[in-house]
Amino acid sequence: MRASGVLPDTLPTKAQPTGCCGARTTRELDRQCRKPHHRSANGLPVLSEALAYVEYRLVSEYDGEDHAILLGEVIGLGSPAPEESPLVFFQGSMRELGDTPVSRR
């Protein structure tokens, strides 16, 4: 998908295994978490149980030494499971908002 210039990102929920967070292709979703997923209106794979997802068109990429920094233009949004509690990555671990760290899986 990086070669196509369009990338998805998801906001995971407590019900999702955190190993799914980095999946960028349907094959990776199948292999990493075996969770239901579908194609967005832009044709990108997104987790059906995600709280929300954002789709980006890659604008620029910067060298972050041990990682890449991607700058993107938002081209799509969705909220497959708005009733779920979000997880966020904060201070080195996945957490529910207002909670203590969630153990890594």
N, C-alpha and C. Protein backbone atom coordinates (compact mmCIF):
# COMPACT_ATOMS: atom_id res chain seq x y z
N MET A 1 0.80 -1.19 0.00
CA MET A 1 0.00 0.00 0.00
C MET A 1 0.85 1.26 0.00
N ARG A 2 2.03 1.21 0.63
CA ARG A 2 2.89 2.38 0.63
C ARG A 2 3.23 2.77 -0.81
N ALA A 3 3.46 1.78 -1.67
CA ALA A 3 3.78 2.07 -3.07
C ALA A 3 2.62 2.76 -3.77
N SER A 4 1.39 2.46 -3.34
CA SER A 4 0.22 3.10 -3.95
C SER A 4 0.04 4.54 -3.47
N GLY A 5 0.69 4.88 -2.34
CA GLY A 5 0.58 6.23 -1.81
C GLY A 5 -0.63 6.44 -0.94
N VAL A 6 -1.37 5.37 -0.59
CA VAL A 6 -2.56 5.48 0.25
C VAL A 6 -2.41 4.49 1.40
N LEU A 7 -2.61 4.97 2.66
CA LEU A 7 -2.40 4.15 3.84
C LEU A 7 -3.57 4.27 4.81
N PRO A 8 -3.96 3.18 5.49
CA PRO A 8 -4.97 3.27 6.54
C PRO A 8 -4.31 3.31 7.92
N ASP A 9 -5.03 3.78 8.91
CA ASP A 9 -4.62 3.70 10.29
C ASP A 9 -5.88 3.48 11.11
N THR A 10 -5.79 2.68 12.17
CA THR A 10 -6.98 2.38 12.96
C THR A 10 -6.78 2.81 14.40
N LEU A 11 -7.89 3.12 15.06
CA LEU A 11 -7.92 3.36 16.49
C LEU A 11 -8.49 2.09 17.11
N PRO A 12 -7.63 1.29 17.77
CA PRO A 12 -8.07 -0.01 18.27
C PRO A 12 -8.97 0.11 19.49
N THR A 13 -9.63 -0.98 19.82
CA THR A 13 -10.49 -1.05 21.00
C THR A 13 -9.92 -2.06 21.98
N LYS A 14 -10.42 -2.05 23.20
CA LYS A 14 -9.97 -2.99 24.22
C LYS A 14 -10.22 -4.43 23.77
N ALA A 15 -11.26 -4.65 23.00
CA ALA A 15 -11.62 -6.00 22.55
C ALA A 15 -10.66 -6.55 21.50
N GLN A 16 -9.90 -5.68 20.84
CA GLN A 16 -8.97 -6.12 19.79
C GLN A 16 -7.62 -6.49 20.37
N PRO A 17 -7.00 -7.54 19.88
CA PRO A 17 -5.62 -7.78 20.28
C PRO A 17 -4.73 -6.67 19.71
N THR A 18 -3.81 -6.16 20.51
CA THR A 18 -3.00 -5.04 20.05
C THR A 18 -2.04 -5.43 18.94
N GLY A 19 -1.82 -6.70 18.69
CA GLY A 19 -0.98 -7.14 17.59
C GLY A 19 -1.54 -6.78 16.24
N CYS A 20 -2.78 -6.41 16.18
CA CYS A 20 -3.41 -6.02 14.91
C CYS A 20 -3.11 -4.58 14.54
N CYS A 21 -2.61 -3.80 15.47
CA CYS A 21 -2.47 -2.37 15.25
C CYS A 21 -1.58 -2.02 14.07
N GLY A 22 -0.54 -2.78 13.80
CA GLY A 22 0.37 -2.44 12.74
C GLY A 22 0.06 -3.05 11.40
N ALA A 23 -1.03 -3.80 11.30
CA ALA A 23 -1.36 -4.48 10.04
C ALA A 23 -1.69 -3.45 8.97
N ARG A 24 -1.09 -3.62 7.79
CA ARG A 24 -1.30 -2.67 6.70
C ARG A 24 -1.86 -3.33 5.45
N THR A 25 -1.98 -4.64 5.45
CA THR A 25 -2.52 -5.34 4.29
C THR A 25 -3.50 -6.40 4.77
N THR A 26 -4.35 -6.86 3.87
CA THR A 26 -5.29 -7.92 4.21
C THR A 26 -4.52 -9.17 4.66
N ARG A 27 -3.43 -9.49 3.99
CA ARG A 27 -2.62 -10.65 4.38
C ARG A 27 -2.10 -10.50 5.81
N GLU A 28 -1.62 -9.30 6.15
CA GLU A 28 -1.13 -9.07 7.51
C GLU A 28 -2.26 -9.18 8.53
N LEU A 29 -3.45 -8.67 8.20
CA LEU A 29 -4.59 -8.80 9.10
C LEU A 29 -4.90 -10.27 9.35
N ASP A 30 -4.91 -11.07 8.29
CA ASP A 30 -5.18 -12.50 8.43
C ASP A 30 -4.13 -13.17 9.31
N ARG A 31 -2.87 -12.86 9.07
CA ARG A 31 -1.77 -13.52 9.77
C ARG A 31 -1.65 -13.03 11.21
N GLN A 32 -1.77 -11.75 11.46
CA GLN A 32 -1.49 -11.20 12.78
C GLN A 32 -2.63 -11.39 13.77
N CYS A 33 -3.85 -11.28 13.33
CA CYS A 33 -4.91 -11.26 14.35
C CYS A 33 -6.16 -12.04 13.99
N ARG A 34 -6.29 -12.47 12.77
CA ARG A 34 -7.45 -13.26 12.35
C ARG A 34 -8.76 -12.64 12.83
N LYS A 35 -8.88 -11.35 12.66
CA LYS A 35 -10.08 -10.62 13.03
C LYS A 35 -10.84 -10.19 11.79
N PRO A 36 -12.15 -9.99 11.92
CA PRO A 36 -12.94 -9.54 10.76
C PRO A 36 -12.44 -8.21 10.23
N HIS A 37 -12.35 -8.11 8.93
CA HIS A 37 -11.94 -6.87 8.29
C HIS A 37 -12.70 -6.73 6.98
N HIS A 38 -12.69 -5.53 6.48
CA HIS A 38 -13.40 -5.25 5.24
C HIS A 38 -12.63 -4.18 4.48
N ARG A 39 -13.05 -3.92 3.26
CA ARG A 39 -12.44 -2.86 2.44
C ARG A 39 -13.24 -1.57 2.63
N SER A 40 -12.51 -0.48 2.78
CA SER A 40 -13.15 0.83 2.89
C SER A 40 -13.61 1.28 1.51
N ALA A 41 -14.25 2.44 1.46
CA ALA A 41 -14.70 2.99 0.18
C ALA A 41 -13.50 3.25 -0.75
N ASN A 42 -12.32 3.47 -0.17
CA ASN A 42 -11.11 3.69 -0.97
C ASN A 42 -10.36 2.38 -1.25
N GLY A 43 -10.94 1.23 -0.85
CA GLY A 43 -10.36 -0.06 -1.16
C GLY A 43 -9.28 -0.53 -0.21
N LEU A 44 -9.12 0.13 0.94
CA LEU A 44 -8.09 -0.25 1.90
C LEU A 44 -8.65 -1.20 2.95
N PRO A 45 -7.82 -2.16 3.44
CA PRO A 45 -8.30 -3.07 4.48
C PRO A 45 -8.35 -2.36 5.83
N VAL A 46 -9.50 -2.47 6.51
CA VAL A 46 -9.66 -1.90 7.84
C VAL A 46 -10.33 -2.94 8.73
N LEU A 47 -10.00 -2.90 10.02
CA LEU A 47 -10.60 -3.83 10.96
C LEU A 47 -12.06 -3.47 11.20
N SER A 48 -12.93 -4.45 11.06
CA SER A 48 -14.36 -4.23 11.24
C SER A 48 -14.72 -3.91 12.69
N GLU A 49 -13.87 -4.29 13.64
CA GLU A 49 -14.13 -4.03 15.05
C GLU A 49 -13.38 -2.81 15.58
N ALA A 50 -12.74 -2.05 14.69
CA ALA A 50 -12.00 -0.86 15.13
C ALA A 50 -12.97 0.22 15.57
N LEU A 51 -12.55 1.00 16.54
CA LEU A 51 -13.36 2.13 16.96
C LEU A 51 -13.51 3.11 15.80
N ALA A 52 -12.38 3.35 15.12
CA ALA A 52 -12.38 4.27 13.99
C ALA A 52 -11.17 3.99 13.12
N TYR A 53 -11.22 4.50 11.90
CA TYR A 53 -10.05 4.43 11.02
C TYR A 53 -9.94 5.72 10.23
N VAL A 54 -8.72 6.01 9.83
CA VAL A 54 -8.41 7.18 9.02
C VAL A 54 -7.60 6.69 7.83
N GLU A 55 -7.89 7.19 6.65
CA GLU A 55 -7.14 6.86 5.45
C GLU A 55 -6.39 8.10 4.99
N TYR A 56 -5.13 7.87 4.59
CA TYR A 56 -4.26 8.97 4.20
C TYR A 56 -3.72 8.76 2.79
N ARG A 57 -3.56 9.87 2.08
CA ARG A 57 -2.78 9.87 0.85
C ARG A 57 -1.41 10.42 1.24
N LEU A 58 -0.38 9.64 0.97
CA LEU A 58 0.98 10.01 1.35
C LEU A 58 1.40 11.29 0.63
N VAL A 59 1.81 12.31 1.40
CA VAL A 59 2.24 13.59 0.85
C VAL A 59 3.77 13.68 0.88
N SER A 60 4.36 13.31 2.02
CA SER A 60 5.82 13.36 2.17
C SER A 60 6.26 12.27 3.15
N GLU A 61 7.51 11.88 3.01
CA GLU A 61 8.11 10.92 3.93
C GLU A 61 9.45 11.49 4.38
N TYR A 62 9.69 11.43 5.69
CA TYR A 62 10.91 11.98 6.27
C TYR A 62 11.66 10.90 7.02
N ASP A 63 12.98 11.00 7.02
CA ASP A 63 13.81 10.04 7.73
C ASP A 63 13.77 10.34 9.22
N GLY A 64 13.31 9.38 9.99
CA GLY A 64 13.29 9.51 11.44
C GLY A 64 14.34 8.64 12.09
N GLU A 65 15.42 8.38 11.38
CA GLU A 65 16.54 7.51 11.77
C GLU A 65 16.09 6.07 11.92
N ASP A 66 15.48 5.67 13.05
CA ASP A 66 15.08 4.28 13.22
C ASP A 66 13.63 4.03 12.79
N HIS A 67 12.99 5.02 12.20
CA HIS A 67 11.63 4.88 11.69
C HIS A 67 11.39 5.95 10.62
N ALA A 68 10.30 5.81 9.92
CA ALA A 68 9.92 6.80 8.91
C ALA A 68 8.80 7.67 9.47
N ILE A 69 8.83 8.94 9.14
CA ILE A 69 7.77 9.87 9.52
C ILE A 69 6.98 10.16 8.25
N LEU A 70 5.71 9.77 8.27
CA LEU A 70 4.86 9.93 7.09
C LEU A 70 3.91 11.09 7.31
N LEU A 71 3.82 11.97 6.33
CA LEU A 71 2.88 13.08 6.35
C LEU A 71 1.82 12.77 5.32
N GLY A 72 0.56 12.77 5.73
CA GLY A 72 -0.49 12.41 4.81
C GLY A 72 -1.67 13.35 4.84
N GLU A 73 -2.39 13.38 3.74
CA GLU A 73 -3.64 14.13 3.61
C GLU A 73 -4.78 13.16 3.89
N VAL A 74 -5.68 13.49 4.80
CA VAL A 74 -6.81 12.62 5.12
C VAL A 74 -7.76 12.56 3.93
N ILE A 75 -8.06 11.33 3.48
CA ILE A 75 -8.98 11.15 2.35
C ILE A 75 -10.21 10.32 2.72
N GLY A 76 -10.22 9.76 3.94
CA GLY A 76 -11.37 8.97 4.35
C GLY A 76 -11.38 8.74 5.85
N LEU A 77 -12.58 8.60 6.42
CA LEU A 77 -12.78 8.33 7.83
C LEU A 77 -13.89 7.30 7.97
N GLY A 78 -13.85 6.53 9.03
CA GLY A 78 -14.93 5.60 9.30
C GLY A 78 -14.95 5.22 10.77
N SER A 79 -16.09 4.72 11.23
CA SER A 79 -16.23 4.31 12.62
C SER A 79 -17.06 3.03 12.67
N PRO A 80 -16.41 1.86 12.42
CA PRO A 80 -17.14 0.61 12.40
C PRO A 80 -17.75 0.20 13.74
N ALA A 81 -17.12 0.55 14.87
CA ALA A 81 -17.59 0.11 16.19
C ALA A 81 -17.56 1.28 17.18
N PRO A 82 -18.41 2.29 16.99
CA PRO A 82 -18.33 3.50 17.82
C PRO A 82 -18.68 3.27 19.30
N GLU A 83 -19.31 2.16 19.63
CA GLU A 83 -19.71 1.90 21.02
C GLU A 83 -18.57 1.32 21.87
N GLU A 84 -17.45 0.97 21.26
CA GLU A 84 -16.34 0.35 21.98
C GLU A 84 -15.47 1.39 22.69
N SER A 85 -14.68 0.94 23.67
CA SER A 85 -13.75 1.81 24.39
C SER A 85 -12.42 1.87 23.63
N PRO A 86 -11.89 3.07 23.38
CA PRO A 86 -10.64 3.18 22.61
C PRO A 86 -9.41 2.80 23.42
N LEU A 87 -8.40 2.34 22.72
CA LEU A 87 -7.06 2.16 23.28
C LEU A 87 -6.16 3.19 22.63
N VAL A 88 -5.24 3.73 23.41
CA VAL A 88 -4.25 4.66 22.88
C VAL A 88 -2.87 4.23 23.36
N PHE A 89 -1.85 4.51 22.54
CA PHE A 89 -0.47 4.22 22.94
C PHE A 89 0.05 5.44 23.68
N PHE A 90 0.40 5.25 24.96
CA PHE A 90 0.84 6.36 25.80
C PHE A 90 1.88 5.86 26.78
N GLN A 91 2.99 6.54 26.89
CA GLN A 91 4.08 6.21 27.80
C GLN A 91 4.52 4.75 27.65
N GLY A 92 4.65 4.30 26.41
CA GLY A 92 5.23 3.00 26.13
C GLY A 92 4.30 1.81 26.16
N SER A 93 3.00 2.02 26.34
CA SER A 93 2.09 0.87 26.33
C SER A 93 0.69 1.29 25.88
N MET A 94 -0.11 0.28 25.53
CA MET A 94 -1.49 0.52 25.14
C MET A 94 -2.33 0.70 26.41
N ARG A 95 -3.19 1.72 26.40
CA ARG A 95 -4.03 2.01 27.57
C ARG A 95 -5.43 2.40 27.13
N GLU A 96 -6.39 2.14 28.01
CA GLU A 96 -7.71 2.71 27.82
C GLU A 96 -7.63 4.15 28.31
N LEU A 97 -8.45 5.00 27.79
CA LEU A 97 -8.45 6.38 28.25
C LEU A 97 -8.82 6.42 29.73
N GLY A 98 -7.99 7.08 30.54
CA GLY A 98 -8.25 7.19 31.96
C GLY A 98 -7.88 5.97 32.78
N ASP A 99 -7.24 4.97 32.19
CA ASP A 99 -6.90 3.73 32.88
C ASP A 99 -5.40 3.55 33.02
N THR A 100 -5.04 2.51 33.75
CA THR A 100 -3.65 2.09 33.84
C THR A 100 -3.28 1.32 32.58
N PRO A 101 -1.99 1.08 32.33
CA PRO A 101 -1.58 0.39 31.10
C PRO A 101 -2.25 -0.97 30.91
N VAL A 102 -2.57 -1.27 29.67
CA VAL A 102 -3.09 -2.58 29.28
C VAL A 102 -1.91 -3.44 28.94
N SER A 103 -1.85 -4.67 29.42
CA SER A 103 -0.69 -5.52 29.13
C SER A 103 -0.58 -5.78 27.64
N ARG A 104 0.66 -5.86 27.15
CA ARG A 104 0.91 -6.15 25.74
C ARG A 104 0.62 -7.60 25.48
N ARG A 105 0.07 -7.88 24.28
CA ARG A 105 -0.26 -9.26 23.92
C ARG A 105 0.68 -9.76 22.88
